[in-house]
PDB file of N, CA and C in Angstrom:
ATOM      1  N   UNK A   1     -47.347-193.281 -15.794  1.00  0.00           N
ATOM      2  CA  UNK A   1     -48.362-193.118 -16.129  1.00  0.00           C
ATOM      3  C   UNK A   1     -48.056-192.327 -17.637  1.00  0.00           C
ATOM      4  N   UNK A   2     -48.968-192.018 -18.610  1.00  0.00           N
ATOM      5  CA  UNK A   2     -49.411-191.797 -20.342  1.00  0.00           C
ATOM      6  C   UNK A   2     -49.802-191.002 -20.412  1.00  0.00           C
ATOM      7  N   UNK A   3     -49.727-190.259 -21.303  1.00  0.00           N
ATOM      8  CA  UNK A   3     -50.990-189.257 -21.932  1.00  0.00           C
ATOM      9  C   UNK A   3     -51.143-189.155 -23.194  1.00  0.00           C
ATOM     10  N   UNK A   4     -50.902-189.595 -23.887  1.00  0.00           N
ATOM     11  CA  UNK A   4     -50.695-189.406 -25.829  1.00  0.00           C
ATOM     12  C   UNK A   4     -52.039-188.464 -25.548  1.00  0.00           C
ATOM     13  N   UNK A   5     -51.866-187.584 -27.115  1.00  0.00           N
ATOM     14  CA  UNK A   5     -52.346-186.309 -27.443  1.00  0.00           C
ATOM     15  C   UNK A   5     -51.462-186.183 -28.994  1.00  0.00           C
ATOM     16  N   UNK A   6     -52.544-185.938 -29.553  1.00  0.00           N
ATOM     17  CA  UNK A   6     -52.995-185.482 -31.305  1.00  0.00           C
ATOM     18  C   UNK A   6     -53.211-183.861 -30.909  1.00  0.00           C
ATOM     19  N   UNK A   7     -52.570-182.391 -31.295  1.00  0.00           N
ATOM     20  CA  UNK A   7     -52.866-181.267 -31.487  1.00  0.00           C
ATOM     21  C   UNK A   7     -52.112-181.000 -32.748  1.00  0.00           C
ATOM     22  N   UNK A   8     -52.802-179.892 -33.468  1.00  0.00           N
ATOM     23  CA  UNK A   8     -52.081-179.194 -34.153  1.00  0.00           C
ATOM     24  C   UNK A   8     -51.282-180.070 -35.319  1.00  0.00           C
ATOM     25  N   UNK A   9     -51.390-181.443 -35.391  1.00  0.00           N
ATOM     26  CA  UNK A   9     -50.812-182.121 -36.320  1.00  0.00           C
ATOM     27  C   UNK A   9     -49.746-182.763 -35.467  1.00  0.00           C
ATOM     28  N   UNK A  10     -49.319-182.369 -34.550  1.00  0.00           N
ATOM     29  CA  UNK A  10     -48.677-182.923 -33.574  1.00  0.00           C
ATOM     30  C   UNK A  10     -48.433-184.049 -33.019  1.00  0.00           C
ATOM     31  N   UNK A  11     -48.034-184.932 -32.921  1.00  0.00           N
ATOM     32  CA  UNK A  11     -48.159-186.566 -32.433  1.00  0.00           C
ATOM     33  C   UNK A  11     -47.257-186.314 -31.175  1.00  0.00           C
ATOM     34  N   UNK A  12     -47.989-186.212 -29.866  1.00  0.00           N
ATOM     35  CA  UNK A  12     -46.766-185.698 -28.699  1.00  0.00           C
ATOM     36  C   UNK A  12     -47.711-186.929 -27.466  1.00  0.00           C
ATOM     37  N   UNK A  13     -46.472-187.223 -26.941  1.00  0.00           N
ATOM     38  CA  UNK A  13     -46.818-188.241 -25.115  1.00  0.00           C
ATOM     39  C   UNK A  13     -46.344-186.930 -24.084  1.00  0.00           C
ATOM     40  N   UNK A  14     -47.405-186.922 -23.377  1.00  0.00           N
ATOM     41  CA  UNK A  14     -47.013-186.338 -22.255  1.00  0.00           C
ATOM     42  C   UNK A  14     -47.206-187.432 -21.322  1.00  0.00           C
ATOM     43  N   UNK A  15     -46.200-187.182 -20.084  1.00  0.00           N
ATOM     44  CA  UNK A  15     -45.384-188.397 -19.031  1.00  0.00           C
ATOM     45  C   UNK A  15     -45.348-187.758 -18.348  1.00  0.00           C
ATOM     46  N   UNK A  16     -46.345-187.433 -16.790  1.00  0.00           N
ATOM     47  CA  UNK A  16     -46.293-187.142 -15.436  1.00  0.00           C
ATOM     48  C   UNK A  16     -45.021-187.970 -14.526  1.00  0.00           C
ATOM     49  N   UNK A  17     -43.918-188.043 -14.229  1.00  0.00           N
ATOM     50  CA  UNK A  17     -43.191-188.585 -13.841  1.00  0.00           C
ATOM     51  C   UNK A  17     -43.644-188.721 -11.741  1.00  0.00           C
ATOM     52  N   UNK A  18     -43.786-187.604 -11.214  1.00  0.00           N
ATOM     53  CA  UNK A  18     -44.259-187.402  -9.909  1.00  0.00           C
ATOM     54  C   UNK A  18     -45.407-186.294 -10.342  1.00  0.00           C
ATOM     55  N   UNK A  19     -45.439-185.821  -9.124  1.00  0.00           N
ATOM     56  CA  UNK A  19     -46.165-184.106  -9.443  1.00  0.00           C
ATOM     57  C   UNK A  19     -44.992-183.255  -9.691  1.00  0.00           C
ATOM     58  N   UNK A  20     -44.171-183.257  -9.308  1.00  0.00           N
ATOM     59  CA  UNK A  20     -43.398-181.806 -10.173  1.00  0.00           C
ATOM     60  C   UNK A  20     -42.650-181.723 -11.456  1.00  0.00           C
ATOM     61  N   UNK A  21     -42.491-183.718 -12.095  1.00  0.00           N
ATOM     62  CA  UNK A  21     -41.686-183.496 -13.147  1.00  0.00           C
ATOM     63  C   UNK A  21     -42.640-183.931 -13.765  1.00  0.00           C
ATOM     64  N   UNK A  22     -42.577-183.787 -15.463  1.00  0.00           N
ATOM     65  CA  UNK A  22     -43.065-183.930 -16.569  1.00  0.00           C
ATOM     66  C   UNK A  22     -42.359-184.051 -17.706  1.00  0.00           C
ATOM     67  N   UNK A  23     -42.714-185.544 -18.698  1.00  0.00           N
ATOM     68  CA  UNK A  23     -41.467-185.917 -19.552  1.00  0.00           C
ATOM     69  C   UNK A  23     -42.438-185.282 -21.023  1.00  0.00           C
ATOM     70  N   UNK A  24     -42.443-184.925 -21.703  1.00  0.00           N
ATOM     71  CA  UNK A  24     -42.868-184.288 -23.594  1.00  0.00           C
ATOM     72  C   UNK A  24     -42.177-185.030 -24.772  1.00  0.00           C
ATOM     73  N   UNK A  25     -42.622-185.414 -25.315  1.00  0.00           N
ATOM     74  CA  UNK A  25     -42.001-186.554 -26.175  1.00  0.00           C
ATOM     75  C   UNK A  25     -42.661-185.962 -27.232  1.00  0.00           C
ATOM     76  N   UNK A  26     -42.031-185.526 -28.408  1.00  0.00           N
ATOM     77  CA  UNK A  26     -42.035-185.290 -30.013  1.00  0.00           C
ATOM     78  C   UNK A  26     -42.149-186.417 -30.504  1.00  0.00           C
ATOM     79  N   UNK A  27     -43.062-186.975 -31.318  1.00  0.00           N
ATOM     80  CA  UNK A  27     -42.991-188.199 -32.282  1.00  0.00           C
ATOM     81  C   UNK A  27     -42.724-187.926 -33.307  1.00  0.00           C
ATOM     82  N   UNK A  28     -41.587-188.088 -34.101  1.00  0.00           N
ATOM     83  CA  UNK A  28     -40.773-187.657 -35.368  1.00  0.00           C
ATOM     84  C   UNK A  28     -41.739-188.830 -36.431  1.00  0.00           C
ATOM     85  N   UNK A  29     -41.565-188.357 -37.230  1.00  0.00           N
ATOM     86  CA  UNK A  29     -42.205-188.745 -38.686  1.00  0.00           C
ATOM     87  C   UNK A  29     -41.283-189.126 -39.354  1.00  0.00           C
ATOM     88  N   UNK A  30     -41.331-190.132 -40.226  1.00  0.00           N
ATOM     89  CA  UNK A  30     -40.688-190.838 -41.304  1.00  0.00           C
ATOM     90  C   UNK A  30     -39.999-189.978 -42.546  1.00  0.00           C
ATOM     91  N   UNK A  31     -38.774-189.938 -42.836  1.00  0.00           N
ATOM     92  CA  UNK A  31     -38.386-189.380 -43.877  1.00  0.00           C
ATOM     93  C   UNK A  31     -37.824-190.008 -44.206  1.00  0.00           C
ATOM     94  N   UNK A  32     -37.911-189.880 -45.629  1.00  0.00           N
ATOM     95  CA  UNK A  32     -37.553-190.741 -46.927  1.00  0.00           C
ATOM     96  C   UNK A  32     -36.198-191.824 -46.117  1.00  0.00           C
ATOM     97  N   UNK A  33     -36.884-192.968 -45.898  1.00  0.00           N
ATOM     98  CA  UNK A  33     -36.960-194.357 -45.361  1.00  0.00           C
ATOM     99  C   UNK A  33     -35.877-194.333 -43.498  1.00  0.00           C
ATOM    100  N   UNK A  34     -35.251-193.017 -43.398  1.00  0.00           N
ATOM    101  CA  UNK A  34     -35.240-192.794 -42.023  1.00  0.00           C
ATOM    102  C   UNK A  34     -36.179-192.233 -41.162  1.00  0.00           C
ATOM    103  N   UNK A  35     -35.919-192.150 -39.721  1.00  0.00           N
ATOM    104  CA  UNK A  35     -37.471-192.056 -39.085  1.00  0.00           C
ATOM    105  C   UNK A  35     -36.086-191.298 -37.733  1.00  0.00           C
ATOM    106  N   UNK A  36     -36.189-189.907 -37.113  1.00  0.00           N
ATOM    107  CA  UNK A  36     -35.564-189.522 -36.620  1.00  0.00           C
ATOM    108  C   UNK A  36     -36.076-190.316 -35.050  1.00  0.00           C
ATOM    109  N   UNK A  37     -34.928-189.899 -33.783  1.00  0.00           N
ATOM    110  CA  UNK A  37     -35.393-190.194 -32.660  1.00  0.00           C
ATOM    111  C   UNK A  37     -36.769-189.305 -32.541  1.00  0.00           C
ATOM    112  N   UNK A  38     -37.634-189.840 -30.986  1.00  0.00           N
ATOM    113  CA  UNK A  38     -37.713-188.532 -31.210  1.00  0.00           C
ATOM    114  C   UNK A  38     -38.156-187.225 -30.118  1.00  0.00           C
ATOM    115  N   UNK A  39     -38.053-186.213 -30.124  1.00  0.00           N
ATOM    116  CA  UNK A  39     -37.782-185.210 -29.025  1.00  0.00           C
ATOM    117  C   UNK A  39     -38.115-185.337 -27.694  1.00  0.00           C
ATOM    118  N   UNK A  40     -36.950-185.033 -26.425  1.00  0.00           N
ATOM    119  CA  UNK A  40     -38.046-184.983 -25.511  1.00  0.00           C
ATOM    120  C   UNK A  40     -37.799-184.179 -24.604  1.00  0.00           C
ATOM    121  N   UNK A  41     -38.631-183.741 -23.639  1.00  0.00           N
ATOM    122  CA  UNK A  41     -38.033-182.363 -22.939  1.00  0.00           C
ATOM    123  C   UNK A  41     -38.278-182.619 -22.092  1.00  0.00           C
ATOM    124  N   UNK A  42     -38.152-181.866 -20.479  1.00  0.00           N
ATOM    125  CA  UNK A  42     -38.181-182.325 -18.868  1.00  0.00           C
ATOM    126  C   UNK A  42     -38.540-180.963 -18.647  1.00  0.00           C
ATOM    127  N   UNK A  43     -39.984-181.047 -17.791  1.00  0.00           N
ATOM    128  CA  UNK A  43     -40.174-179.927 -17.498  1.00  0.00           C
ATOM    129  C   UNK A  43     -40.183-179.847 -15.600  1.00  0.00           C
ATOM    130  N   UNK A  44     -40.248-179.397 -15.129  1.00  0.00           N
ATOM    131  CA  UNK A  44     -39.881-179.535 -13.394  1.00  0.00           C
ATOM    132  C   UNK A  44     -40.987-178.056 -13.070  1.00  0.00           C
ATOM    133  N   UNK A  45     -41.803-178.354 -11.840  1.00  0.00           N
ATOM    134  CA  UNK A  45     -42.804-177.390 -11.849  1.00  0.00           C
ATOM    135  C   UNK A  45     -41.641-176.081 -11.298  1.00  0.00           C
ATOM    136  N   UNK A  46     -41.989-174.995 -11.288  1.00  0.00           N
ATOM    137  CA  UNK A  46     -41.727-173.657 -11.832  1.00  0.00           C
ATOM    138  C   UNK A  46     -40.484-173.168 -12.937  1.00  0.00           C
ATOM    139  N   UNK A  47     -40.658-174.306 -13.956  1.00  0.00           N
ATOM    140  CA  UNK A  47     -40.105-174.117 -15.247  1.00  0.00           C
ATOM    141  C   UNK A  47     -41.397-173.100 -16.091  1.00  0.00           C
ATOM    142  N   UNK A  48     -41.502-172.103 -17.439  1.00  0.00           N
ATOM    143  CA  UNK A  48     -41.877-171.519 -17.772  1.00  0.00           C
ATOM    144  C   UNK A  48     -43.030-172.138 -18.247  1.00  0.00           C
ATOM    145  N   UNK A  49     -43.039-173.980 -18.422  1.00  0.00           N
ATOM    146  CA  UNK A  49     -43.694-174.580 -19.755  1.00  0.00           C
ATOM    147  C   UNK A  49     -44.374-175.526 -18.880  1.00  0.00           C
ATOM    148  N   UNK A  50     -44.291-175.808 -17.700  1.00  0.00           N
ATOM    149  CA  UNK A  50     -44.808-176.746 -16.785  1.00  0.00           C
ATOM    150  C   UNK A  50     -45.837-176.719 -16.779  1.00  0.00           C
ATOM    151  N   UNK A  51     -46.760-175.453 -16.521  1.00  0.00           N
ATOM    152  CA  UNK A  51     -48.296-175.793 -15.896  1.00  0.00           C
ATOM    153  C   UNK A  51     -48.295-175.802 -17.874  1.00  0.00           C
ATOM    154  N   UNK A  52     -48.358-175.713 -18.410  1.00  0.00           N
ATOM    155  CA  UNK A  52     -48.964-175.652 -19.960  1.00  0.00           C
ATOM    156  C   UNK A  52     -49.358-177.120 -20.315  1.00  0.00           C
ATOM    157  N   UNK A  53     -47.714-178.356 -19.691  1.00  0.00           N
ATOM    158  CA  UNK A  53     -47.631-178.942 -19.710  1.00  0.00           C
ATOM    159  C   UNK A  53     -48.543-180.141 -18.609  1.00  0.00           C
ATOM    160  N   UNK A  54     -48.549-179.808 -17.788  1.00  0.00           N
ATOM    161  CA  UNK A  54     -49.225-180.320 -16.672  1.00  0.00           C
ATOM    162  C   UNK A  54     -51.086-180.501 -17.180  1.00  0.00           C
ATOM    163  N   UNK A  55     -51.478-179.025 -17.482  1.00  0.00           N
ATOM    164  CA  UNK A  55     -52.529-178.801 -18.207  1.00  0.00           C
ATOM    165  C   UNK A  55     -52.845-180.389 -19.029  1.00  0.00           C
ATOM    166  N   UNK A  56     -52.234-180.864 -20.385  1.00  0.00           N
ATOM    167  CA  UNK A  56     -51.957-182.087 -20.948  1.00  0.00           C
ATOM    168  C   UNK A  56     -52.324-182.730 -20.816  1.00  0.00           C
ATOM    169  N   UNK A  57     -51.615-183.110 -19.186  1.00  0.00           N
ATOM    170  CA  UNK A  57     -51.858-184.282 -18.811  1.00  0.00           C
ATOM    171  C   UNK A  57     -52.840-184.326 -17.599  1.00  0.00           C
ATOM    172  N   UNK A  58     -53.666-185.155 -18.287  1.00  0.00           N
ATOM    173  CA  UNK A  58     -54.846-185.016 -17.736  1.00  0.00           C
ATOM    174  C   UNK A  58     -54.891-186.589 -16.522  1.00  0.00           C
ATOM    175  N   UNK A  59     -53.947-187.377 -16.069  1.00  0.00           N
ATOM    176  CA  UNK A  59     -54.135-188.305 -14.955  1.00  0.00           C
ATOM    177  C   UNK A  59     -53.227-187.960 -14.225  1.00  0.00           C
ATOM    178  N   UNK A  60     -53.513-188.495 -12.854  1.00  0.00           N
ATOM    179  CA  UNK A  60     -52.090-188.073 -11.829  1.00  0.00           C
ATOM    180  C   UNK A  60     -51.690-189.518 -11.328  1.00  0.00           C
ATOM    181  N   UNK A  61     -50.293-189.242 -10.933  1.00  0.00           N
ATOM    182  CA  UNK A  61     -50.139-190.946 -10.737  1.00  0.00           C
ATOM    183  C   UNK A  61     -50.276-191.705 -10.067  1.00  0.00           C
ATOM    184  N   UNK A  62     -51.077-190.963  -8.510  1.00  0.00           N
ATOM    185  CA  UNK A  62     -52.195-191.500  -7.808  1.00  0.00           C
ATOM    186  C   UNK A  62     -53.125-192.450  -8.210  1.00  0.00           C
ATOM    187  N   UNK A  63     -53.607-191.767  -9.024  1.00  0.00           N
ATOM    188  CA  UNK A  63     -55.001-192.529  -9.973  1.00  0.00           C
ATOM    189  C   UNK A  63     -54.000-193.569 -10.766  1.00  0.00           C
ATOM    190  N   UNK A  64     -52.930-193.717 -11.194  1.00  0.00           N
ATOM    191  CA  UNK A  64     -53.076-194.534 -11.809  1.00  0.00           C
ATOM    192  C   UNK A  64     -52.111-195.943 -11.168  1.00  0.00           C
ATOM    193  N   UNK A  65     -51.270-195.720  -9.968  1.00  0.00           N
ATOM    194  CA  UNK A  65     -51.039-196.495  -8.897  1.00  0.00           C
ATOM    195  C   UNK A  65     -52.790-196.970  -8.578  1.00  0.00           C
ATOM    196  N   UNK A  66     -52.626-196.323  -8.046  1.00  0.00           N
ATOM    197  CA  UNK A  66     -54.574-197.131  -8.065  1.00  0.00           C
ATOM    198  C   UNK A  66     -55.408-198.088  -8.345  1.00  0.00           C
ATOM    199  N   UNK A  67     -55.088-198.032  -9.573  1.00  0.00           N
ATOM    200  CA  UNK A  67     -56.145-198.638 -10.796  1.00  0.00           C
ATOM    201  C   UNK A  67     -55.333-200.221 -11.181  1.00  0.00           C
ATOM    202  N   UNK A  68     -53.067-199.932 -10.579  1.00  0.00           N
ATOM    203  CA  UNK A  68     -53.015-201.394 -11.054  1.00  0.00           C
ATOM    204  C   UNK A  68     -53.245-202.503 -10.179  1.00  0.00           C
TER     205      UNK A  68
END
C-alpha cells in the first residue's frame, strides 16, 4: 500500500508495510543529467518519527487488501 504526497516542495511516498512499519521515500530530482537514488527511511512503532509519518499515510493495510 502506498500513499504519495507532496508537501513543502518535497515529493515523497509513504508506504505502510504492516501496522508497525512504515517506509518513507524522498524522491530525488534530476541534477546535471543525473538523478540520485531516492532516499529511503524505515520507521517502526516506538521510533520518535513513527507517528508523524503514520499520520501522513491515510490508508490501512486491511483496506488495501479488502479492495483487491
